[in-house]
Protein backbone atom coordinates (compact mmCIF):
# COMPACT_ATOMS: atom_id res chain seq x y z
CA MET A 1 147.11 -1.46 159.03
CA LYS A 2 145.88 0.46 156.03
CA ASN A 3 148.05 0.76 152.96
CA THR A 4 148.26 4.43 152.20
CA LEU A 5 150.10 6.17 149.39
CA THR A 6 152.43 8.95 150.36
CA MET A 7 152.69 12.12 148.32
CA PHE A 8 155.92 10.78 146.85
CA ASP A 9 154.21 7.50 145.88
CA ARG A 10 151.39 9.37 144.15
CA LEU A 11 153.87 11.53 142.26
CA LEU A 12 155.84 8.46 141.25
CA LEU A 13 152.66 6.75 140.04
CA VAL A 14 151.61 9.78 137.97
CA LEU A 15 155.06 10.06 136.44
CA SER A 16 155.08 6.35 135.64
CA VAL A 17 151.70 6.54 133.88
CA CYS A 18 152.76 9.65 131.96
CA GLY A 19 155.99 7.93 131.01
CA LEU A 20 154.14 4.89 129.66
CA ILE A 21 151.80 7.11 127.65
CA ALA A 22 154.77 9.05 126.25
CA LEU A 23 156.54 5.82 125.30
CA ALA A 24 153.39 4.56 123.59
CA LEU A 25 153.07 7.80 121.61
CA ILE A 26 156.75 7.73 120.64
CA TYR A 27 156.54 4.10 119.56
CA GLY A 28 153.30 4.82 117.69
CA ALA A 29 154.90 7.65 115.72
CA ALA A 30 157.98 5.51 115.02
CA ALA A 31 155.82 2.54 113.99
CA ILE A 32 153.91 4.67 111.48
CA HIS A 33 157.08 6.29 110.12
CA TYR A 34 159.17 3.11 109.80
CA GLN A 35 156.31 0.61 109.20
CA LEU A 36 156.99 -1.31 112.43
CA PRO A 37 154.50 -3.83 113.90
CA LEU A 38 151.06 -2.33 114.74
CA SER A 39 151.77 0.68 112.49
CA GLN A 40 148.29 0.62 110.91
CA SER A 41 146.59 0.32 114.32
CA PHE A 42 148.45 3.37 115.60
CA ALA A 43 147.69 5.28 112.37
CA ASN A 44 143.98 4.56 112.75
CA ALA A 45 144.02 5.57 116.42
CA PHE A 46 145.84 8.83 115.71
CA SER A 47 143.44 9.68 112.87
CA ALA A 48 140.42 9.02 115.08
CA ALA A 49 141.82 11.14 117.92
CA ASP A 50 142.63 13.95 115.52
CA ALA A 51 139.12 13.82 114.07
CA LEU A 52 137.56 14.07 117.55
CA ARG A 53 139.79 17.04 118.34
CA ALA A 54 138.70 18.74 115.11
CA GLU A 55 135.04 18.27 115.98
CA TRP A 56 135.65 19.69 119.47
CA LEU A 57 137.37 22.74 118.00
CA LEU A 58 134.67 23.20 115.39
CA GLU A 59 132.07 23.76 118.11
CA ARG A 60 134.12 26.78 119.25
CA GLU A 61 134.77 28.20 115.81
CA GLU A 62 133.76 31.86 115.49
CA LEU A 63 131.33 31.51 112.60
CA PRO A 64 127.64 32.36 112.22
CA ASP A 65 125.29 29.73 113.65
CA ASN A 66 123.72 28.94 110.26
CA ILE A 67 127.17 28.23 108.80
CA ARG A 68 129.08 26.50 111.58
CA ASN A 69 127.01 23.30 111.44
CA ASP A 70 126.62 23.15 107.66
CA HIS A 71 129.72 21.75 105.91
CA ALA A 72 128.97 23.14 102.44
CA ASN A 73 127.92 26.59 103.64
CA ARG A 74 130.88 26.81 106.02
CA ASN A 75 133.32 26.11 103.19
CA ALA A 76 131.60 28.62 100.91
CA TYR A 77 131.79 31.23 103.68
CA ILE A 78 135.54 30.66 104.07
CA VAL A 79 136.14 30.95 100.33
CA GLN A 80 134.06 34.11 100.07
CA ASN A 81 136.14 35.69 102.82
CA ALA A 82 139.53 34.98 101.25
CA LYS A 83 141.99 37.89 101.20
CA THR A 84 143.22 39.08 97.81
CA ALA A 85 145.82 41.65 96.71
CA TRP A 86 146.21 42.59 93.04
CA ASP A 87 148.67 44.72 91.06
CA LYS A 88 146.56 45.27 87.95
CA ASP A 89 149.44 46.60 85.85
CA ARG A 90 151.85 43.70 86.41
CA ALA A 91 149.70 40.62 87.12
CA TYR A 92 148.49 38.29 84.38
CA SER A 93 144.74 38.84 84.42
CA GLY A 94 142.29 35.93 84.29
CA TYR A 95 140.56 33.29 86.39
CA THR A 96 142.21 30.87 88.81
CA LEU A 97 141.05 27.28 89.30
CA ILE A 98 141.41 26.15 92.92
CA THR A 99 140.90 22.97 94.91
CA THR A 100 141.39 22.79 98.66
CA GLY A 101 141.39 20.10 101.31
CA TYR A 102 138.22 21.07 103.15
CA LEU A 103 136.11 22.24 100.21
CA GLY A 104 136.51 18.99 98.28
CA SER A 105 135.26 20.47 94.99
CA PRO A 106 136.95 22.86 92.52
CA TYR A 107 135.99 26.50 92.16
CA LEU A 108 137.03 29.39 89.94
CA VAL A 109 137.85 32.90 91.18
CA ASP A 110 138.52 36.18 89.38
CA MET A 111 141.45 38.48 90.16
CA GLU A 112 139.54 40.04 93.06
CA GLY A 113 138.98 36.63 94.63
CA LYS A 114 135.26 36.47 93.82
CA VAL A 115 133.91 33.01 92.98
CA VAL A 116 132.66 32.99 89.38
CA HIS A 117 131.90 29.26 89.16
CA HIS A 118 131.74 26.34 91.59
CA TRP A 119 131.43 22.64 90.82
CA LYS A 120 129.69 20.52 93.45
CA VAL A 121 131.43 17.16 93.38
CA PRO A 122 131.13 15.58 96.86
CA TYR A 123 133.02 12.31 97.07
CA SER A 124 130.30 10.65 99.14
CA GLU A 125 127.80 11.09 96.30
CA ILE A 126 130.05 9.44 93.71
CA TRP A 127 131.04 6.23 95.47
CA ASP A 128 128.99 4.37 98.06
CA SER A 129 132.16 3.44 99.93
CA ALA A 130 135.75 4.63 99.70
CA ILE A 131 138.21 2.47 97.78
CA CYS A 132 141.17 3.93 99.64
CA THR A 133 143.12 1.74 102.04
CA ASN A 134 142.63 4.14 104.96
CA PRO A 135 139.60 2.89 106.96
CA LEU A 136 138.75 6.51 107.85
CA SER A 137 139.04 7.67 104.24
CA LYS A 138 135.39 8.68 103.92
CA SER A 139 136.00 11.60 106.26
CA ASP A 140 139.54 12.37 105.05
CA VAL A 141 139.06 12.47 101.26
CA PHE A 142 140.09 15.69 99.56
CA ALA A 143 140.35 17.08 96.01
CA ASP A 144 144.01 16.40 95.22
CA GLY A 145 143.96 18.01 91.79
CA ALA A 146 141.76 19.13 88.93
CA TYR A 147 141.85 19.81 85.20
CA LEU A 148 139.46 22.30 83.56
CA TYR A 149 138.29 22.10 79.94
CA PRO A 150 137.19 25.17 77.90
CA ASN A 151 133.54 24.01 77.89
CA GLY A 152 133.39 23.82 81.69
CA ASP A 153 133.93 20.08 82.07
CA VAL A 154 136.34 19.33 84.91
CA LEU A 155 138.34 16.32 86.07
CA VAL A 156 138.70 15.93 89.83
CA ASN A 157 141.33 13.62 91.31
CA TYR A 158 140.51 12.53 94.86
CA GLY A 159 143.26 11.95 97.40
CA ASP A 160 143.20 10.50 100.89
CA ALA A 161 144.85 12.22 103.86
CA VAL A 162 146.12 9.07 105.54
CA ILE A 163 148.97 9.45 108.05
CA ALA A 164 151.39 6.76 106.88
CA ALA A 165 151.38 7.51 103.15
CA PRO A 166 149.26 9.23 100.49
CA TYR A 167 146.73 7.08 98.69
CA GLY A 168 144.30 7.88 95.93
CA CYS A 169 140.60 7.37 95.55
CA GLY A 170 139.77 7.85 91.87
CA ILE A 171 138.85 10.42 89.22
CA VAL A 172 135.48 11.84 88.26
CA LYS A 173 134.63 13.98 85.23
CA VAL A 174 131.66 16.33 85.51
CA ASP A 175 130.23 18.97 83.22
CA LYS A 176 129.86 22.67 84.01
CA ASP A 177 126.62 21.94 85.87
CA SER A 178 128.30 19.24 88.03
CA LYS A 179 126.57 16.37 86.20
CA ILE A 180 128.73 13.24 86.41
CA LEU A 181 130.02 12.16 82.97
CA TRP A 182 132.21 9.22 84.02
CA VAL A 183 134.16 7.79 86.95
CA TYR A 184 137.53 6.02 87.02
CA LYS A 185 137.94 3.96 90.18
CA ALA A 186 141.59 3.39 91.07
CA ALA A 187 144.24 4.48 93.55
CA THR A 188 144.96 7.70 91.66
CA HIS A 189 147.08 10.23 93.52
CA HIS A 190 148.77 13.63 93.41
CA ASP A 191 148.55 14.81 89.81
CA LEU A 192 146.99 14.40 86.39
CA THR A 193 147.39 16.08 83.02
CA VAL A 194 145.78 15.99 79.57
CA ASP A 195 147.62 15.90 76.24
CA ARG A 196 146.65 17.69 73.03
CA ASP A 197 144.60 14.67 71.89
CA GLY A 198 142.54 14.68 75.07
CA ASN A 199 144.20 11.62 76.60
CA ILE A 200 144.56 11.76 80.38
CA TYR A 201 147.72 10.81 82.30
CA VAL A 202 147.37 10.09 86.00
CA LEU A 203 149.48 8.50 88.74
CA THR A 204 148.40 5.29 90.48
CA ARG A 205 150.28 2.67 92.49
CA LYS A 206 150.62 -1.06 93.03
CA THR A 207 152.44 -3.38 95.44
CA VAL A 208 155.39 -5.37 94.11
CA THR A 209 156.35 -8.57 95.94
CA LYS A 210 158.97 -10.08 93.61
CA PRO A 211 162.03 -8.04 92.53
CA PRO A 212 163.03 -7.79 88.86
CA SER A 213 166.48 -9.13 88.01
CA GLY A 214 169.10 -6.65 89.18
CA PHE A 215 166.81 -5.10 91.79
CA GLU A 216 167.14 -7.88 94.37
CA GLY A 217 168.91 -5.45 96.71
CA LEU A 218 165.70 -3.51 97.26
CA VAL A 219 163.43 -4.40 100.18
CA TYR A 220 160.18 -6.12 99.27
CA PRO A 221 157.23 -5.88 99.28
CA MET A 222 157.40 -2.30 98.02
CA SER A 223 155.11 0.23 96.40
CA ASP A 224 155.53 0.96 92.69
CA ASP A 225 154.04 4.10 91.17
CA VAL A 226 152.38 3.68 87.77
CA ILE A 227 151.53 6.19 85.04
CA VAL A 228 148.12 5.31 83.59
CA LYS A 229 146.91 6.68 80.25
CA LEU A 230 143.15 7.09 79.91
CA SER A 231 141.07 7.92 76.86
CA PRO A 232 139.01 11.14 76.88
CA GLU A 233 136.10 8.90 77.93
CA GLY A 234 138.00 7.58 80.97
CA LYS A 235 138.89 4.15 79.55
CA GLU A 236 142.30 2.76 80.49
CA LEU A 237 144.55 2.53 77.42
CA GLU A 238 147.95 1.59 78.84
CA SER A 239 150.15 1.87 81.92
CA ILE A 240 153.85 2.37 82.68
CA SER A 241 155.44 1.00 85.84
CA LEU A 242 158.18 3.28 87.17
CA LEU A 243 160.10 0.32 88.52
CA ASP A 244 160.03 -1.30 85.06
CA ALA A 245 160.83 2.04 83.40
CA PHE A 246 164.12 2.29 85.34
CA HIS A 247 164.98 -1.40 84.99
CA GLY A 248 167.74 -2.08 82.45
CA THR A 249 168.61 1.60 81.94
CA PRO A 250 171.71 3.60 82.91
CA PHE A 251 169.56 5.22 85.61
CA ALA A 252 168.68 2.01 87.48
CA LEU A 253 171.03 2.81 90.38
CA MET A 254 168.67 5.62 91.40
CA MET A 255 166.39 2.94 92.79
CA PHE A 256 168.85 2.41 95.63
CA HIS A 257 168.63 6.03 96.79
CA GLY A 258 164.93 6.12 97.64
CA LYS A 259 165.26 5.45 101.36
CA GLU A 260 167.71 8.10 102.48
CA ASN A 261 164.96 10.48 103.61
CA GLY A 262 163.27 7.88 105.80
CA ASP A 263 160.26 7.20 103.57
CA THR A 264 158.34 4.02 104.29
CA LEU A 265 158.31 1.01 102.00
CA ALA A 266 154.67 1.81 101.31
CA ASP A 267 155.80 5.00 99.57
CA PHE A 268 159.06 4.14 97.80
CA PHE A 269 158.84 6.65 94.93
CA HIS A 270 156.26 9.18 96.14
CA THR A 271 155.80 10.38 92.56
CA ASN A 272 153.95 13.68 92.81
CA SER A 273 153.73 15.29 89.36
CA VAL A 274 153.31 14.23 85.73
CA ASP A 275 153.69 16.40 82.61
CA VAL A 276 153.59 15.51 78.90
CA LEU A 277 155.78 17.37 76.38
CA PRO A 278 153.45 18.90 73.74
CA PRO A 279 154.45 18.91 70.03
CA ASP A 280 154.66 22.71 69.78
CA MET A 281 157.28 22.81 72.58
CA ALA A 282 159.30 19.72 71.62
CA GLU A 283 161.61 21.53 69.19
CA LYS A 284 163.02 23.52 72.11
CA PHE A 285 164.19 20.31 73.83
CA SER A 286 167.12 18.76 71.99
CA SER A 287 167.16 15.70 74.27
CA PHE A 288 163.43 14.94 74.38
CA LYS A 289 160.60 14.12 71.98
CA ALA A 290 156.96 15.14 71.86
CA GLY A 291 154.79 12.93 74.03
CA GLN A 292 157.54 11.99 76.48
CA ILE A 293 156.55 12.19 80.14
CA LEU A 294 158.25 14.14 82.92
CA VAL A 295 157.71 12.89 86.48
CA SER A 296 158.86 14.13 89.89
CA MET A 297 159.77 11.45 92.45
CA ARG A 298 160.02 12.92 95.93
CA SER A 299 161.66 10.06 97.85
CA PRO A 300 164.85 9.81 95.74
CA ASN A 301 164.81 13.61 95.12
CA ALA A 302 164.79 12.88 91.38
CA LEU A 303 163.15 13.87 88.12
CA ALA A 304 162.83 11.52 85.15
CA VAL A 305 161.64 11.62 81.54
CA ILE A 306 159.97 8.45 80.24
CA ASP A 307 159.38 7.49 76.62
CA PRO A 308 155.78 6.25 76.18
CA GLN A 309 156.80 4.07 73.21
CA THR A 310 159.53 2.07 74.97
CA HIS A 311 158.21 2.58 78.53
CA LYS A 312 161.81 3.35 79.58
CA VAL A 313 163.54 6.26 81.31
CA VAL A 314 165.57 8.29 78.79
CA TRP A 315 166.77 10.98 81.22
CA ALA A 316 166.92 11.32 84.98
CA TYR A 317 168.58 13.65 87.45
CA ARG A 318 168.94 13.69 91.23
CA GLY A 319 169.19 17.43 91.65
CA PHE A 320 170.18 20.03 94.21
CA TRP A 321 166.67 20.09 95.64
CA GLU A 322 164.91 18.25 98.45
CA TYR A 323 161.36 16.81 98.53
CA GLN A 324 160.56 18.57 95.24
CA HIS A 325 157.14 18.87 93.54
CA ALA A 326 155.46 20.30 90.43
CA ALA A 327 158.03 19.59 87.71
CA SER A 328 157.01 20.89 84.27
CA PHE A 329 158.33 21.49 80.77
CA LEU A 330 158.63 25.18 79.83
CA ALA A 331 158.19 26.65 76.34
CA ASN A 332 161.80 27.91 76.34
CA GLY A 333 163.31 24.41 76.61
CA HIS A 334 163.86 24.49 80.36
CA ILE A 335 162.36 22.54 83.25
CA MET A 336 160.79 24.23 86.29
CA VAL A 337 160.49 22.54 89.67
CA LEU A 338 159.44 23.47 93.20
CA ASP A 339 162.25 22.80 95.70
CA ASN A 340 160.23 22.37 98.89
CA TRP A 341 162.96 21.88 101.51
CA GLY A 342 166.22 22.72 99.78
CA HIS A 343 166.89 26.38 100.60
CA VAL A 344 168.37 27.29 103.98
CA GLU A 345 169.04 30.85 105.08
CA TYR A 346 170.21 31.79 108.59
CA LYS A 347 169.49 28.20 109.75
CA LYS A 348 165.86 28.47 108.61
CA THR A 349 164.42 26.36 105.80
CA TYR A 350 162.58 28.03 102.91
CA SER A 351 161.27 26.82 99.57
CA ARG A 352 162.36 27.99 96.15
CA VAL A 353 161.38 27.72 92.50
CA ILE A 354 164.14 26.54 90.15
CA GLU A 355 164.25 26.83 86.36
CA PHE A 356 167.13 24.91 84.79
CA ASP A 357 168.46 23.65 81.46
CA PRO A 358 168.11 19.83 81.31
CA VAL A 359 171.13 19.57 78.98
CA THR A 360 173.69 21.72 80.81
CA LEU A 361 171.92 21.39 84.22
CA GLN A 362 172.62 25.08 84.79
CA THR A 363 170.10 27.12 86.78
CA LYS A 364 168.60 29.82 84.57
CA TRP A 365 166.27 31.45 87.13
CA HIS A 366 165.19 30.93 90.69
CA PHE A 367 163.01 32.49 93.35
CA ALA A 368 163.62 31.66 97.02
CA GLY A 369 161.91 32.46 100.29
CA SER A 370 163.69 34.69 102.80
CA ARG A 371 163.17 36.42 106.13
CA ASP A 372 161.89 39.50 104.30
CA GLN A 373 159.64 37.50 101.97
CA PRO A 374 158.73 34.15 103.62
CA PHE A 375 157.90 31.30 101.28
CA TYR A 376 157.81 27.72 102.53
CA VAL A 377 155.81 24.79 101.18
CA SER A 378 156.23 21.90 103.61
CA MET A 379 154.20 19.53 101.42
CA ALA A 380 152.59 19.52 97.98
CA GLY A 381 152.70 22.82 96.04
CA ARG A 382 151.94 23.92 92.48
CA LEU A 383 153.72 26.00 89.81
CA GLN A 384 152.63 27.57 86.53
CA ARG A 385 154.67 29.74 84.15
CA LEU A 386 152.31 32.37 82.77
CA PRO A 387 152.47 33.77 79.20
CA ASN A 388 153.75 37.17 80.40
CA GLY A 389 156.76 35.56 82.14
CA ASN A 390 155.29 35.68 85.64
CA THR A 391 155.06 32.53 87.76
CA LEU A 392 152.00 31.40 89.74
CA ILE A 393 152.90 29.56 92.94
CA GLY A 394 150.55 27.43 95.05
CA GLU A 395 151.85 27.50 98.63
CA SER A 396 149.70 24.59 99.70
CA GLY A 397 150.10 24.26 103.47
CA ASN A 398 149.83 28.00 104.02
CA SER A 399 146.58 28.19 102.04
CA ARG A 400 148.11 30.82 99.75
CA ILE A 401 148.49 31.34 96.01
CA PHE A 402 150.70 34.15 94.75
CA GLU A 403 152.02 35.42 91.44
CA ILE A 404 155.53 36.83 91.07
CA THR A 405 157.37 38.70 88.31
CA PRO A 406 160.74 37.42 87.02
CA GLU A 407 162.32 39.86 89.49
CA GLY A 408 160.50 38.18 92.38
CA ARG A 409 157.92 40.90 93.02
CA ILE A 410 154.54 39.65 94.26
CA VAL A 411 151.80 41.11 92.04
CA TRP A 412 148.82 38.98 93.08
CA SER A 413 148.01 36.93 96.17
CA TYR A 414 145.06 34.90 97.41
CA ILE A 415 144.93 33.70 101.02
CA LEU A 416 142.22 31.52 102.57
CA GLN A 417 141.00 31.92 106.12
CA LYS A 418 142.48 29.29 108.44
CA THR A 419 140.08 26.86 110.12
CA PRO A 420 140.25 24.17 112.80
CA ARG A 421 141.56 21.12 110.96
CA ARG A 422 142.16 17.45 111.53
CA ASN A 423 145.50 17.35 109.66
CA GLU A 424 147.77 19.36 107.37
CA PHE A 425 145.69 18.49 104.30
CA ALA A 426 142.47 20.06 105.58
CA ASP A 427 142.92 23.69 104.50
CA ALA A 428 145.75 23.20 101.99
CA ILE A 429 145.40 24.41 98.39
CA PHE A 430 146.11 21.58 95.94
CA THR A 431 145.23 23.17 92.59
CA SER A 432 146.09 26.67 91.35
CA VAL A 433 145.85 27.19 87.59
CA ARG A 434 145.35 30.54 85.82
CA PHE A 435 143.21 30.85 82.71
CA THR A 436 142.55 33.82 80.46
CA HIS A 437 139.01 34.96 79.76
CA ASP A 438 139.26 33.60 76.18
CA GLN A 439 140.28 30.14 77.38
CA LEU A 440 136.96 29.60 79.20
CA PRO A 441 134.13 30.32 76.75
CA PHE A 442 131.62 28.52 79.01
CA LEU A 443 131.65 31.57 81.31
CA ARG A 444 130.34 33.86 78.58
CA LYS A 445 126.71 34.81 78.92
CA PRO A 446 124.49 33.69 76.00
């Protein structure tokens, strides 16, 4: 007698297989999120599957044949077809420095969105192999940030779009003709800045296995973010551990609030911005001194100011924001920060920009997204207060940069064409900095 499967048996078998696959996917996502056993294996598998899907989509992308199969030309085509709107009377005219996920190298556009200069800094030509922990990092590396000098030299900070947590890949400095000047190989991530003496401040990270006294209640091993100071030539001068900076200060209890948003132990702080208070602005800040360092730590929803002499936190605040980015000192004595997830209107989440007094903690100005004017930055994001009082906003995940007046009127916008992508980093904008014509003499014709 033959064993035959009835229609019901076949249906039951299909449902069972689908159920097992669904359970595997659910466990895989949970393993990555909560660092459960096999988390790295699932992360690698998901990255590989996403990459294959991207390649499959790319074959069906509606682009000219000579562009579709050429990475560099395809990216240039996308940039050249960006959409720009410009209110010439109200916008702060100049050039905007941009880095994106898929382009990998910085470029400079004018107010009409035309590319006026492009640096070619492919990661694969700088290092023979990636130093990032993600085994697929060679294909996932992106330009996480950049700093432009008046003579056309540029620093590029490489990030790695790994699923479980962000890692860094190093910094390269090139001249205006893309000639490599020096390379700093370390797990640099998110942000970098340069002080008035030319010293470079960048974020890196290290793993801590033994808790300092008083921090035994934290779970170890854990990731500690570190501020590294480099010379103008890229030589490491000193470093400041954030864990050590909080230790023994009145703000140490903040270390026990870093897990409430479900971040993994591999990303305890998720420090995402660094800014140094310049001497000509210090007199406006009664509580801070020139050279002190402002950092934004996403996981505990906190900002902190660190003294580079004592390596200790002198001010910290867990604010009324959520998953914030891009904290900076302003010339008027205030601090500006991007509140990524903290504004809810009609049960929908929007982002907002907050300017507040660090002494009174009172909000002095804000701009929030709404149904009439959507603005939401799910991850990353950049801010810049312009000399005319306008604010430049990098809406990373939506591939948009826009400039607003103090009244919240959009007077300039730049939007990139969307492309098939392997993850949310692929077509995001990670750098958006406005320069005046006089600030970039290297663009002047001889």
